[in-house]
Amino acid sequence: ITSKTLVNIALWFLLALFWANVWFFIL
């Protein structure tokens, strides 16, 4: 939440993909 640091670094993709879906739906 507060940085770009993740213990399981691969999981950033799930968060980014969630927001990509949200942004794209709105657009």
mmCIF file of all heavy atoms, coordinates in Angstrom:
data_MODEL
# 
_entry.id   MODEL 
# 
loop_
_atom_site.group_PDB 
_atom_site.id 
_atom_site.type_symbol 
_atom_site.label_atom_id 
_atom_site.label_alt_id 
_atom_site.label_comp_id 
_atom_site.label_asym_id 
_atom_site.label_entity_id 
_atom_site.label_seq_id 
_atom_site.pdbx_PDB_ins_code 
_atom_site.Cartn_x 
_atom_site.Cartn_y 
_atom_site.Cartn_z 
_atom_site.occupancy 
_atom_site.B_iso_or_equiv 
_atom_site.pdbx_formal_charge 
_atom_site.auth_seq_id 
_atom_site.auth_comp_id 
_atom_site.auth_asym_id 
_atom_site.auth_atom_id 
_atom_site.pdbx_PDB_model_num 
ATOM 1   N N   . ILE A 1 1  ? 0.838   -1.207  0.000   1.00 0.00 ? 1  ILE A N   1 
ATOM 2   C CA  . ILE A 1 1  ? 0.000   0.000   0.000   1.00 0.00 ? 1  ILE A CA  1 
ATOM 3   C C   . ILE A 1 1  ? 0.866   1.248   0.000   1.00 0.00 ? 1  ILE A C   1 
ATOM 4   O O   . ILE A 1 1  ? 0.590   2.216   -0.719  1.00 0.00 ? 1  ILE A O   1 
ATOM 5   C CB  . ILE A 1 1  ? -0.941  0.019   1.225   1.00 0.00 ? 1  ILE A CB  1 
ATOM 6   C CG1 . ILE A 1 1  ? -1.848  -1.215  1.223   1.00 0.00 ? 1  ILE A CG1 1 
ATOM 7   C CG2 . ILE A 1 1  ? -1.796  1.300   1.240   1.00 0.00 ? 1  ILE A CG2 1 
ATOM 8   C CD1 . ILE A 1 1  ? -2.729  -1.319  2.454   1.00 0.00 ? 1  ILE A CD1 1 
ATOM 9   N N   . THR A 1 2  ? 1.916   1.222   0.776   1.00 0.00 ? 2  THR A N   1 
ATOM 10  C CA  . THR A 1 2  ? 2.725   2.421   0.979   1.00 0.00 ? 2  THR A CA  1 
ATOM 11  C C   . THR A 1 2  ? 3.978   2.488   0.110   1.00 0.00 ? 2  THR A C   1 
ATOM 12  O O   . THR A 1 2  ? 4.696   3.468   0.137   1.00 0.00 ? 2  THR A O   1 
ATOM 13  C CB  . THR A 1 2  ? 3.163   2.499   2.452   1.00 0.00 ? 2  THR A CB  1 
ATOM 14  O OG1 . THR A 1 2  ? 3.906   1.311   2.790   1.00 0.00 ? 2  THR A OG1 1 
ATOM 15  C CG2 . THR A 1 2  ? 1.951   2.589   3.375   1.00 0.00 ? 2  THR A CG2 1 
ATOM 16  N N   . SER A 1 3  ? 4.231   1.408   -0.676  1.00 0.00 ? 3  SER A N   1 
ATOM 17  C CA  . SER A 1 3  ? 5.430   1.399   -1.509  1.00 0.00 ? 3  SER A CA  1 
ATOM 18  C C   . SER A 1 3  ? 5.234   0.411   -2.658  1.00 0.00 ? 3  SER A C   1 
ATOM 19  O O   . SER A 1 3  ? 4.160   -0.165  -2.820  1.00 0.00 ? 3  SER A O   1 
ATOM 20  C CB  . SER A 1 3  ? 6.657   0.995   -0.679  1.00 0.00 ? 3  SER A CB  1 
ATOM 21  O OG  . SER A 1 3  ? 6.578   -0.374  -0.315  1.00 0.00 ? 3  SER A OG  1 
ATOM 22  N N   . LYS A 1 4  ? 6.295   0.226   -3.437  1.00 0.00 ? 4  LYS A N   1 
ATOM 23  C CA  . LYS A 1 4  ? 6.279   -0.765  -4.505  1.00 0.00 ? 4  LYS A CA  1 
ATOM 24  C C   . LYS A 1 4  ? 6.970   -2.051  -4.046  1.00 0.00 ? 4  LYS A C   1 
ATOM 25  O O   . LYS A 1 4  ? 7.449   -2.834  -4.866  1.00 0.00 ? 4  LYS A O   1 
ATOM 26  C CB  . LYS A 1 4  ? 7.004   -0.207  -5.735  1.00 0.00 ? 4  LYS A CB  1 
ATOM 27  C CG  . LYS A 1 4  ? 6.260   0.899   -6.448  1.00 0.00 ? 4  LYS A CG  1 
ATOM 28  C CD  . LYS A 1 4  ? 5.094   0.373   -7.255  1.00 0.00 ? 4  LYS A CD  1 
ATOM 29  C CE  . LYS A 1 4  ? 4.477   1.457   -8.117  1.00 0.00 ? 4  LYS A CE  1 
ATOM 30  N NZ  . LYS A 1 4  ? 3.308   0.947   -8.871  1.00 0.00 ? 4  LYS A NZ  1 
ATOM 31  N N   . THR A 1 5  ? 7.003   -2.277  -2.740  1.00 0.00 ? 5  THR A N   1 
ATOM 32  C CA  . THR A 1 5  ? 7.673   -3.441  -2.176  1.00 0.00 ? 5  THR A CA  1 
ATOM 33  C C   . THR A 1 5  ? 6.655   -4.523  -1.840  1.00 0.00 ? 5  THR A C   1 
ATOM 34  O O   . THR A 1 5  ? 5.643   -4.253  -1.193  1.00 0.00 ? 5  THR A O   1 
ATOM 35  C CB  . THR A 1 5  ? 8.440   -3.059  -0.892  1.00 0.00 ? 5  THR A CB  1 
ATOM 36  O OG1 . THR A 1 5  ? 9.371   -2.018  -1.197  1.00 0.00 ? 5  THR A OG1 1 
ATOM 37  C CG2 . THR A 1 5  ? 9.189   -4.256  -0.338  1.00 0.00 ? 5  THR A CG2 1 
ATOM 38  N N   . LEU A 1 6  ? 6.925   -5.729  -2.307  1.00 0.00 ? 6  LEU A N   1 
ATOM 39  C CA  . LEU A 1 6  ? 6.078   -6.880  -2.012  1.00 0.00 ? 6  LEU A CA  1 
ATOM 40  C C   . LEU A 1 6  ? 6.948   -8.060  -1.615  1.00 0.00 ? 6  LEU A C   1 
ATOM 41  O O   . LEU A 1 6  ? 7.989   -8.300  -2.236  1.00 0.00 ? 6  LEU A O   1 
ATOM 42  C CB  . LEU A 1 6  ? 5.251   -7.269  -3.245  1.00 0.00 ? 6  LEU A CB  1 
ATOM 43  C CG  . LEU A 1 6  ? 3.907   -6.579  -3.474  1.00 0.00 ? 6  LEU A CG  1 
ATOM 44  C CD1 . LEU A 1 6  ? 3.372   -6.959  -4.841  1.00 0.00 ? 6  LEU A CD1 1 
ATOM 45  C CD2 . LEU A 1 6  ? 2.916   -6.969  -2.407  1.00 0.00 ? 6  LEU A CD2 1 
ATOM 46  N N   . VAL A 1 7  ? 6.534   -8.790  -0.587  1.00 0.00 ? 7  VAL A N   1 
ATOM 47  C CA  . VAL A 1 7  ? 7.268   -10.000 -0.209  1.00 0.00 ? 7  VAL A CA  1 
ATOM 48  C C   . VAL A 1 7  ? 7.157   -11.025 -1.328  1.00 0.00 ? 7  VAL A C   1 
ATOM 49  O O   . VAL A 1 7  ? 8.142   -11.621 -1.749  1.00 0.00 ? 7  VAL A O   1 
ATOM 50  C CB  . VAL A 1 7  ? 6.726   -10.560 1.121   1.00 0.00 ? 7  VAL A CB  1 
ATOM 51  C CG1 . VAL A 1 7  ? 7.266   -11.960 1.358   1.00 0.00 ? 7  VAL A CG1 1 
ATOM 52  C CG2 . VAL A 1 7  ? 7.115   -9.651  2.273   1.00 0.00 ? 7  VAL A CG2 1 
ATOM 53  N N   . ASN A 1 8  ? 5.949   -11.239 -1.827  1.00 0.00 ? 8  ASN A N   1 
ATOM 54  C CA  . ASN A 1 8  ? 5.728   -12.106 -2.983  1.00 0.00 ? 8  ASN A CA  1 
ATOM 55  C C   . ASN A 1 8  ? 5.572   -11.194 -4.193  1.00 0.00 ? 8  ASN A C   1 
ATOM 56  O O   . ASN A 1 8  ? 4.476   -10.777 -4.551  1.00 0.00 ? 8  ASN A O   1 
ATOM 57  C CB  . ASN A 1 8  ? 4.477   -12.961 -2.775  1.00 0.00 ? 8  ASN A CB  1 
ATOM 58  C CG  . ASN A 1 8  ? 4.278   -13.990 -3.872  1.00 0.00 ? 8  ASN A CG  1 
ATOM 59  O OD1 . ASN A 1 8  ? 4.799   -13.852 -4.974  1.00 0.00 ? 8  ASN A OD1 1 
ATOM 60  N ND2 . ASN A 1 8  ? 3.510   -15.033 -3.569  1.00 0.00 ? 8  ASN A ND2 1 
ATOM 61  N N   . ILE A 1 9  ? 6.683   -10.867 -4.841  1.00 0.00 ? 9  ILE A N   1 
ATOM 62  C CA  . ILE A 1 9  ? 6.725   -9.794  -5.826  1.00 0.00 ? 9  ILE A CA  1 
ATOM 63  C C   . ILE A 1 9  ? 5.819   -10.051 -7.026  1.00 0.00 ? 9  ILE A C   1 
ATOM 64  O O   . ILE A 1 9  ? 5.317   -9.105  -7.652  1.00 0.00 ? 9  ILE A O   1 
ATOM 65  C CB  . ILE A 1 9  ? 8.181   -9.548  -6.281  1.00 0.00 ? 9  ILE A CB  1 
ATOM 66  C CG1 . ILE A 1 9  ? 8.280   -8.271  -7.127  1.00 0.00 ? 9  ILE A CG1 1 
ATOM 67  C CG2 . ILE A 1 9  ? 8.710   -10.750 -7.029  1.00 0.00 ? 9  ILE A CG2 1 
ATOM 68  C CD1 . ILE A 1 9  ? 7.845   -7.023  -6.428  1.00 0.00 ? 9  ILE A CD1 1 
ATOM 69  N N   . ALA A 1 10 ? 5.568   -11.315 -7.365  1.00 0.00 ? 10 ALA A N   1 
ATOM 70  C CA  . ALA A 1 10 ? 4.755   -11.623 -8.548  1.00 0.00 ? 10 ALA A CA  1 
ATOM 71  C C   . ALA A 1 10 ? 3.306   -11.158 -8.389  1.00 0.00 ? 10 ALA A C   1 
ATOM 72  O O   . ALA A 1 10 ? 2.599   -10.961 -9.380  1.00 0.00 ? 10 ALA A O   1 
ATOM 73  C CB  . ALA A 1 10 ? 4.790   -13.124 -8.835  1.00 0.00 ? 10 ALA A CB  1 
ATOM 74  N N   . LEU A 1 11 ? 2.866   -10.959 -7.156  1.00 0.00 ? 11 LEU A N   1 
ATOM 75  C CA  . LEU A 1 11 ? 1.464   -10.647 -6.905  1.00 0.00 ? 11 LEU A CA  1 
ATOM 76  C C   . LEU A 1 11 ? 1.078   -9.221  -7.290  1.00 0.00 ? 11 LEU A C   1 
ATOM 77  O O   . LEU A 1 11 ? -0.105  -8.887  -7.298  1.00 0.00 ? 11 LEU A O   1 
ATOM 78  C CB  . LEU A 1 11 ? 1.127   -10.894 -5.427  1.00 0.00 ? 11 LEU A CB  1 
ATOM 79  C CG  . LEU A 1 11 ? 1.201   -12.354 -4.983  1.00 0.00 ? 11 LEU A CG  1 
ATOM 80  C CD1 . LEU A 1 11 ? 0.910   -12.474 -3.495  1.00 0.00 ? 11 LEU A CD1 1 
ATOM 81  C CD2 . LEU A 1 11 ? 0.229   -13.218 -5.776  1.00 0.00 ? 11 LEU A CD2 1 
ATOM 82  N N   . TRP A 1 12 ? 2.058   -8.368  -7.628  1.00 0.00 ? 12 TRP A N   1 
ATOM 83  C CA  . TRP A 1 12 ? 1.707   -7.022  -8.074  1.00 0.00 ? 12 TRP A CA  1 
ATOM 84  C C   . TRP A 1 12 ? 0.788   -7.102  -9.291  1.00 0.00 ? 12 TRP A C   1 
ATOM 85  O O   . TRP A 1 12 ? -0.066  -6.228  -9.488  1.00 0.00 ? 12 TRP A O   1 
ATOM 86  C CB  . TRP A 1 12 ? 2.971   -6.229  -8.436  1.00 0.00 ? 12 TRP A CB  1 
ATOM 87  C CG  . TRP A 1 12 ? 3.622   -6.658  -9.715  1.00 0.00 ? 12 TRP A CG  1 
ATOM 88  C CD1 . TRP A 1 12 ? 4.644   -7.542  -9.855  1.00 0.00 ? 12 TRP A CD1 1 
ATOM 89  C CD2 . TRP A 1 12 ? 3.281   -6.244  -11.047 1.00 0.00 ? 12 TRP A CD2 1 
ATOM 90  N NE1 . TRP A 1 12 ? 4.964   -7.718  -11.184 1.00 0.00 ? 12 TRP A NE1 1 
ATOM 91  C CE2 . TRP A 1 12 ? 4.136   -6.927  -11.938 1.00 0.00 ? 12 TRP A CE2 1 
ATOM 92  C CE3 . TRP A 1 12 ? 2.337   -5.364  -11.555 1.00 0.00 ? 12 TRP A CE3 1 
ATOM 93  C CZ2 . TRP A 1 12 ? 4.066   -6.754  -13.316 1.00 0.00 ? 12 TRP A CZ2 1 
ATOM 94  C CZ3 . TRP A 1 12 ? 2.267   -5.191  -12.935 1.00 0.00 ? 12 TRP A CZ3 1 
ATOM 95  C CH2 . TRP A 1 12 ? 3.128   -5.881  -13.794 1.00 0.00 ? 12 TRP A CH2 1 
ATOM 96  N N   . PHE A 1 13 ? 0.956   -8.157  -10.091 1.00 0.00 ? 13 PHE A N   1 
ATOM 97  C CA  . PHE A 1 13 ? 0.181   -8.296  -11.320 1.00 0.00 ? 13 PHE A CA  1 
ATOM 98  C C   . PHE A 1 13 ? -1.314  -8.384  -11.028 1.00 0.00 ? 13 PHE A C   1 
ATOM 99  O O   . PHE A 1 13 ? -2.132  -7.836  -11.770 1.00 0.00 ? 13 PHE A O   1 
ATOM 100 C CB  . PHE A 1 13 ? 0.646   -9.537  -12.085 1.00 0.00 ? 13 PHE A CB  1 
ATOM 101 C CG  . PHE A 1 13 ? -0.161  -9.812  -13.325 1.00 0.00 ? 13 PHE A CG  1 
ATOM 102 C CD1 . PHE A 1 13 ? -0.101  -8.963  -14.413 1.00 0.00 ? 13 PHE A CD1 1 
ATOM 103 C CD2 . PHE A 1 13 ? -0.993  -10.922 -13.392 1.00 0.00 ? 13 PHE A CD2 1 
ATOM 104 C CE1 . PHE A 1 13 ? -0.852  -9.210  -15.554 1.00 0.00 ? 13 PHE A CE1 1 
ATOM 105 C CE2 . PHE A 1 13 ? -1.736  -11.184 -14.528 1.00 0.00 ? 13 PHE A CE2 1 
ATOM 106 C CZ  . PHE A 1 13 ? -1.674  -10.331 -15.620 1.00 0.00 ? 13 PHE A CZ  1 
ATOM 107 N N   . LEU A 1 14 ? -1.692  -9.069  -9.939  1.00 0.00 ? 14 LEU A N   1 
ATOM 108 C CA  . LEU A 1 14 ? -3.107  -9.205  -9.609  1.00 0.00 ? 14 LEU A CA  1 
ATOM 109 C C   . LEU A 1 14 ? -3.717  -7.856  -9.260  1.00 0.00 ? 14 LEU A C   1 
ATOM 110 O O   . LEU A 1 14 ? -4.849  -7.546  -9.670  1.00 0.00 ? 14 LEU A O   1 
ATOM 111 C CB  . LEU A 1 14 ? -3.296  -10.192 -8.453  1.00 0.00 ? 14 LEU A CB  1 
ATOM 112 C CG  . LEU A 1 14 ? -2.863  -11.634 -8.719  1.00 0.00 ? 14 LEU A CG  1 
ATOM 113 C CD1 . LEU A 1 14 ? -3.163  -12.513 -7.516  1.00 0.00 ? 14 LEU A CD1 1 
ATOM 114 C CD2 . LEU A 1 14 ? -3.548  -12.184 -9.962  1.00 0.00 ? 14 LEU A CD2 1 
ATOM 115 N N   . LEU A 1 15 ? -2.986  -7.033  -8.504  1.00 0.00 ? 15 LEU A N   1 
ATOM 116 C CA  . LEU A 1 15 ? -3.484  -5.696  -8.159  1.00 0.00 ? 15 LEU A CA  1 
ATOM 117 C C   . LEU A 1 15 ? -3.569  -4.816  -9.407  1.00 0.00 ? 15 LEU A C   1 
ATOM 118 O O   . LEU A 1 15 ? -4.576  -4.127  -9.626  1.00 0.00 ? 15 LEU A O   1 
ATOM 119 C CB  . LEU A 1 15 ? -2.573  -5.046  -7.121  1.00 0.00 ? 15 LEU A CB  1 
ATOM 120 C CG  . LEU A 1 15 ? -2.572  -5.680  -5.725  1.00 0.00 ? 15 LEU A CG  1 
ATOM 121 C CD1 . LEU A 1 15 ? -1.576  -4.960  -4.816  1.00 0.00 ? 15 LEU A CD1 1 
ATOM 122 C CD2 . LEU A 1 15 ? -3.964  -5.626  -5.100  1.00 0.00 ? 15 LEU A CD2 1 
ATOM 123 N N   . ALA A 1 16 ? -2.522  -4.835  -10.216 1.00 0.00 ? 16 ALA A N   1 
ATOM 124 C CA  . ALA A 1 16 ? -2.514  -4.021  -11.433 1.00 0.00 ? 16 ALA A CA  1 
ATOM 125 C C   . ALA A 1 16 ? -3.625  -4.448  -12.379 1.00 0.00 ? 16 ALA A C   1 
ATOM 126 O O   . ALA A 1 16 ? -4.301  -3.605  -12.993 1.00 0.00 ? 16 ALA A O   1 
ATOM 127 C CB  . ALA A 1 16 ? -1.158  -4.126  -12.132 1.00 0.00 ? 16 ALA A CB  1 
ATOM 128 N N   . LEU A 1 17 ? -3.845  -5.744  -12.500 1.00 0.00 ? 17 LEU A N   1 
ATOM 129 C CA  . LEU A 1 17 ? -4.890  -6.250  -13.385 1.00 0.00 ? 17 LEU A CA  1 
ATOM 130 C C   . LEU A 1 17 ? -6.277  -5.874  -12.872 1.00 0.00 ? 17 LEU A C   1 
ATOM 131 O O   . LEU A 1 17 ? -7.178  -5.567  -13.674 1.00 0.00 ? 17 LEU A O   1 
ATOM 132 C CB  . LEU A 1 17 ? -4.775  -7.773  -13.504 1.00 0.00 ? 17 LEU A CB  1 
ATOM 133 C CG  . LEU A 1 17 ? -5.715  -8.452  -14.493 1.00 0.00 ? 17 LEU A CG  1 
ATOM 134 C CD1 . LEU A 1 17 ? -5.581  -7.850  -15.883 1.00 0.00 ? 17 LEU A CD1 1 
ATOM 135 C CD2 . LEU A 1 17 ? -5.445  -9.958  -14.533 1.00 0.00 ? 17 LEU A CD2 1 
ATOM 136 N N   . PHE A 1 18 ? -6.453  -5.875  -11.570 1.00 0.00 ? 18 PHE A N   1 
ATOM 137 C CA  . PHE A 1 18 ? -7.733  -5.433  -10.996 1.00 0.00 ? 18 PHE A CA  1 
ATOM 138 C C   . PHE A 1 18 ? -8.025  -3.994  -11.402 1.00 0.00 ? 18 PHE A C   1 
ATOM 139 O O   . PHE A 1 18 ? -9.126  -3.674  -11.872 1.00 0.00 ? 18 PHE A O   1 
ATOM 140 C CB  . PHE A 1 18 ? -7.690  -5.555  -9.466  1.00 0.00 ? 18 PHE A CB  1 
ATOM 141 C CG  . PHE A 1 18 ? -8.884  -4.935  -8.784  1.00 0.00 ? 18 PHE A CG  1 
ATOM 142 C CD1 . PHE A 1 18 ? -10.089 -5.615  -8.716  1.00 0.00 ? 18 PHE A CD1 1 
ATOM 143 C CD2 . PHE A 1 18 ? -8.805  -3.663  -8.219  1.00 0.00 ? 18 PHE A CD2 1 
ATOM 144 C CE1 . PHE A 1 18 ? -11.195 -5.047  -8.099  1.00 0.00 ? 18 PHE A CE1 1 
ATOM 145 C CE2 . PHE A 1 18 ? -9.900  -3.083  -7.597  1.00 0.00 ? 18 PHE A CE2 1 
ATOM 146 C CZ  . PHE A 1 18 ? -11.102 -3.778  -7.536  1.00 0.00 ? 18 PHE A CZ  1 
ATOM 147 N N   . TRP A 1 19 ? -7.033  -3.120  -11.242 1.00 0.00 ? 19 TRP A N   1 
ATOM 148 C CA  . TRP A 1 19 ? -7.239  -1.711  -11.583 1.00 0.00 ? 19 TRP A CA  1 
ATOM 149 C C   . TRP A 1 19 ? -7.375  -1.504  -13.076 1.00 0.00 ? 19 TRP A C   1 
ATOM 150 O O   . TRP A 1 19 ? -8.144  -0.635  -13.518 1.00 0.00 ? 19 TRP A O   1 
ATOM 151 C CB  . TRP A 1 19 ? -6.106  -0.860  -11.004 1.00 0.00 ? 19 TRP A CB  1 
ATOM 152 C CG  . TRP A 1 19 ? -6.201  -0.752  -9.523  1.00 0.00 ? 19 TRP A CG  1 
ATOM 153 C CD1 . TRP A 1 19 ? -5.351  -1.284  -8.597  1.00 0.00 ? 19 TRP A CD1 1 
ATOM 154 C CD2 . TRP A 1 19 ? -7.235  -0.097  -8.783  1.00 0.00 ? 19 TRP A CD2 1 
ATOM 155 N NE1 . TRP A 1 19 ? -5.785  -1.002  -7.337  1.00 0.00 ? 19 TRP A NE1 1 
ATOM 156 C CE2 . TRP A 1 19 ? -6.936  -0.270  -7.412  1.00 0.00 ? 19 TRP A CE2 1 
ATOM 157 C CE3 . TRP A 1 19 ? -8.384  0.608   -9.145  1.00 0.00 ? 19 TRP A CE3 1 
ATOM 158 C CZ2 . TRP A 1 19 ? -7.755  0.240   -6.402  1.00 0.00 ? 19 TRP A CZ2 1 
ATOM 159 C CZ3 . TRP A 1 19 ? -9.198  1.118   -8.139  1.00 0.00 ? 19 TRP A CZ3 1 
ATOM 160 C CH2 . TRP A 1 19 ? -8.882  0.942   -6.793  1.00 0.00 ? 19 TRP A CH2 1 
ATOM 161 N N   . ALA A 1 20 ? -6.679  -2.293  -13.878 1.00 0.00 ? 20 ALA A N   1 
ATOM 162 C CA  . ALA A 1 20 ? -6.839  -2.187  -15.328 1.00 0.00 ? 20 ALA A CA  1 
ATOM 163 C C   . ALA A 1 20 ? -8.282  -2.498  -15.721 1.00 0.00 ? 20 ALA A C   1 
ATOM 164 O O   . ALA A 1 20 ? -8.870  -1.819  -16.578 1.00 0.00 ? 20 ALA A O   1 
ATOM 165 C CB  . ALA A 1 20 ? -5.881  -3.139  -16.037 1.00 0.00 ? 20 ALA A CB  1 
ATOM 166 N N   . ASN A 1 21 ? -8.866  -3.504  -15.081 1.00 0.00 ? 21 ASN A N   1 
ATOM 167 C CA  . ASN A 1 21 ? -10.269 -3.836  -15.332 1.00 0.00 ? 21 ASN A CA  1 
ATOM 168 C C   . ASN A 1 21 ? -11.198 -2.705  -14.916 1.00 0.00 ? 21 ASN A C   1 
ATOM 169 O O   . ASN A 1 21 ? -12.142 -2.362  -15.628 1.00 0.00 ? 21 ASN A O   1 
ATOM 170 C CB  . ASN A 1 21 ? -10.651 -5.117  -14.581 1.00 0.00 ? 21 ASN A CB  1 
ATOM 171 C CG  . ASN A 1 21 ? -10.330 -6.379  -15.346 1.00 0.00 ? 21 ASN A CG  1 
ATOM 172 O OD1 . ASN A 1 21 ? -11.105 -6.833  -16.185 1.00 0.00 ? 21 ASN A OD1 1 
ATOM 173 N ND2 . ASN A 1 21 ? -9.168  -6.957  -15.060 1.00 0.00 ? 21 ASN A ND2 1 
ATOM 174 N N   . VAL A 1 22 ? -10.922 -2.123  -13.747 1.00 0.00 ? 22 VAL A N   1 
ATOM 175 C CA  . VAL A 1 22 ? -11.765 -1.028  -13.243 1.00 0.00 ? 22 VAL A CA  1 
ATOM 176 C C   . VAL A 1 22 ? -11.663 0.187   -14.152 1.00 0.00 ? 22 VAL A C   1 
ATOM 177 O O   . VAL A 1 22 ? -12.688 0.762   -14.565 1.00 0.00 ? 22 VAL A O   1 
ATOM 178 C CB  . VAL A 1 22 ? -11.362 -0.653  -11.800 1.00 0.00 ? 22 VAL A CB  1 
ATOM 179 C CG1 . VAL A 1 22 ? -12.088 0.626   -11.352 1.00 0.00 ? 22 VAL A CG1 1 
ATOM 180 C CG2 . VAL A 1 22 ? -11.682 -1.806  -10.850 1.00 0.00 ? 22 VAL A CG2 1 
ATOM 181 N N   . TRP A 1 23 ? -10.415 0.614   -14.467 1.00 0.00 ? 23 TRP A N   1 
ATOM 182 C CA  . TRP A 1 23 ? -10.236 1.788   -15.327 1.00 0.00 ? 23 TRP A CA  1 
ATOM 183 C C   . TRP A 1 23 ? -10.890 1.556   -16.686 1.00 0.00 ? 23 TRP A C   1 
ATOM 184 O O   . TRP A 1 23 ? -11.553 2.451   -17.225 1.00 0.00 ? 23 TRP A O   1 
ATOM 185 C CB  . TRP A 1 23 ? -8.748  2.088   -15.543 1.00 0.00 ? 23 TRP A CB  1 
ATOM 186 C CG  . TRP A 1 23 ? -7.919  2.351   -14.335 1.00 0.00 ? 23 TRP A CG  1 
ATOM 187 C CD1 . TRP A 1 23 ? -6.637  1.918   -14.110 1.00 0.00 ? 23 TRP A CD1 1 
ATOM 188 C CD2 . TRP A 1 23 ? -8.254  3.115   -13.164 1.00 0.00 ? 23 TRP A CD2 1 
ATOM 189 N NE1 . TRP A 1 23 ? -6.178  2.344   -12.897 1.00 0.00 ? 23 TRP A NE1 1 
ATOM 190 C CE2 . TRP A 1 23 ? -7.143  3.091   -12.288 1.00 0.00 ? 23 TRP A CE2 1 
ATOM 191 C CE3 . TRP A 1 23 ? -9.397  3.797   -12.758 1.00 0.00 ? 23 TRP A CE3 1 
ATOM 192 C CZ2 . TRP A 1 23 ? -7.135  3.718   -11.049 1.00 0.00 ? 23 TRP A CZ2 1 
ATOM 193 C CZ3 . TRP A 1 23 ? -9.396  4.436   -11.523 1.00 0.00 ? 23 TRP A CZ3 1 
ATOM 194 C CH2 . TRP A 1 23 ? -8.282  4.395   -10.692 1.00 0.00 ? 23 TRP A CH2 1 
ATOM 195 N N   . PHE A 1 24 ? -10.704 0.358   -17.235 1.00 0.00 ? 24 PHE A N   1 
ATOM 196 C CA  . PHE A 1 24 ? -11.223 0.082   -18.570 1.00 0.00 ? 24 PHE A CA  1 
ATOM 197 C C   . PHE A 1 24 ? -12.752 0.034   -18.570 1.00 0.00 ? 24 PHE A C   1 
ATOM 198 O O   . PHE A 1 24 ? -13.389 0.514   -19.510 1.00 0.00 ? 24 PHE A O   1 
ATOM 199 C CB  . PHE A 1 24 ? -10.660 -1.236  -19.102 1.00 0.00 ? 24 PHE A CB  1 
ATOM 200 C CG  . PHE A 1 24 ? -10.876 -1.422  -20.576 1.00 0.00 ? 24 PHE A CG  1 
ATOM 201 C CD1 . PHE A 1 24 ? -10.137 -0.691  -21.494 1.00 0.00 ? 24 PHE A CD1 1 
ATOM 202 C CD2 . PHE A 1 24 ? -11.828 -2.309  -21.054 1.00 0.00 ? 24 PHE A CD2 1 
ATOM 203 C CE1 . PHE A 1 24 ? -10.341 -0.842  -22.860 1.00 0.00 ? 24 PHE A CE1 1 
ATOM 204 C CE2 . PHE A 1 24 ? -12.034 -2.474  -22.405 1.00 0.00 ? 24 PHE A CE2 1 
ATOM 205 C CZ  . PHE A 1 24 ? -11.289 -1.735  -23.312 1.00 0.00 ? 24 PHE A CZ  1 
ATOM 206 N N   . PHE A 1 25 ? -13.332 -0.518  -17.533 1.00 0.00 ? 25 PHE A N   1 
ATOM 207 C CA  . PHE A 1 25 ? -14.798 -0.550  -17.432 1.00 0.00 ? 25 PHE A CA  1 
ATOM 208 C C   . PHE A 1 25 ? -15.357 0.869   -17.435 1.00 0.00 ? 25 PHE A C   1 
ATOM 209 O O   . PHE A 1 25 ? -16.324 1.173   -18.147 1.00 0.00 ? 25 PHE A O   1 
ATOM 210 C CB  . PHE A 1 25 ? -15.225 -1.278  -16.152 1.00 0.00 ? 25 PHE A CB  1 
ATOM 211 C CG  . PHE A 1 25 ? -16.721 -1.369  -15.989 1.00 0.00 ? 25 PHE A CG  1 
ATOM 212 C CD1 . PHE A 1 25 ? -17.413 -2.480  -16.466 1.00 0.00 ? 25 PHE A CD1 1 
ATOM 213 C CD2 . PHE A 1 25 ? -17.447 -0.349  -15.378 1.00 0.00 ? 25 PHE A CD2 1 
ATOM 214 C CE1 . PHE A 1 25 ? -18.788 -2.566  -16.333 1.00 0.00 ? 25 PHE A CE1 1 
ATOM 215 C CE2 . PHE A 1 25 ? -18.818 -0.427  -15.241 1.00 0.00 ? 25 PHE A CE2 1 
ATOM 216 C CZ  . PHE A 1 25 ? -19.494 -1.542  -15.724 1.00 0.00 ? 25 PHE A CZ  1 
ATOM 217 N N   . ILE A 1 26 ? -14.741 1.739   -16.626 1.00 0.00 ? 26 ILE A N   1 
ATOM 218 C CA  . ILE A 1 26 ? -15.206 3.127   -16.550 1.00 0.00 ? 26 ILE A CA  1 
ATOM 219 C C   . ILE A 1 26 ? -15.079 3.809   -17.910 1.00 0.00 ? 26 ILE A C   1 
ATOM 220 O O   . ILE A 1 26 ? -16.002 4.506   -18.363 1.00 0.00 ? 26 ILE A O   1 
ATOM 221 C CB  . ILE A 1 26 ? -14.407 3.901   -15.472 1.00 0.00 ? 26 ILE A CB  1 
ATOM 222 C CG1 . ILE A 1 26 ? -14.723 3.339   -14.082 1.00 0.00 ? 26 ILE A CG1 1 
ATOM 223 C CG2 . ILE A 1 26 ? -14.719 5.393   -15.531 1.00 0.00 ? 26 ILE A CG2 1 
ATOM 224 C CD1 . ILE A 1 26 ? -13.842 3.894   -12.991 1.00 0.00 ? 26 ILE A CD1 1 
ATOM 225 N N   . LEU A 1 27 ? -13.961 3.606   -18.582 1.00 0.00 ? 27 LEU A N   1 
ATOM 226 C CA  . LEU A 1 27 ? -13.742 4.242   -19.882 1.00 0.00 ? 27 LEU A CA  1 
ATOM 227 C C   . LEU A 1 27 ? -14.753 3.771   -20.923 1.00 0.00 ? 27 LEU A C   1 
ATOM 228 O O   . LEU A 1 27 ? -15.259 4.570   -21.718 1.00 0.00 ? 27 LEU A O   1 
ATOM 229 C CB  . LEU A 1 27 ? -12.324 3.957   -20.376 1.00 0.00 ? 27 LEU A CB  1 
ATOM 230 C CG  . LEU A 1 27 ? -11.194 4.693   -19.641 1.00 0.00 ? 27 LEU A CG  1 
ATOM 231 C CD1 . LEU A 1 27 ? -9.844  4.184   -20.117 1.00 0.00 ? 27 LEU A CD1 1 
ATOM 232 C CD2 . LEU A 1 27 ? -11.297 6.196   -19.859 1.00 0.00 ? 27 LEU A CD2 1 
# 
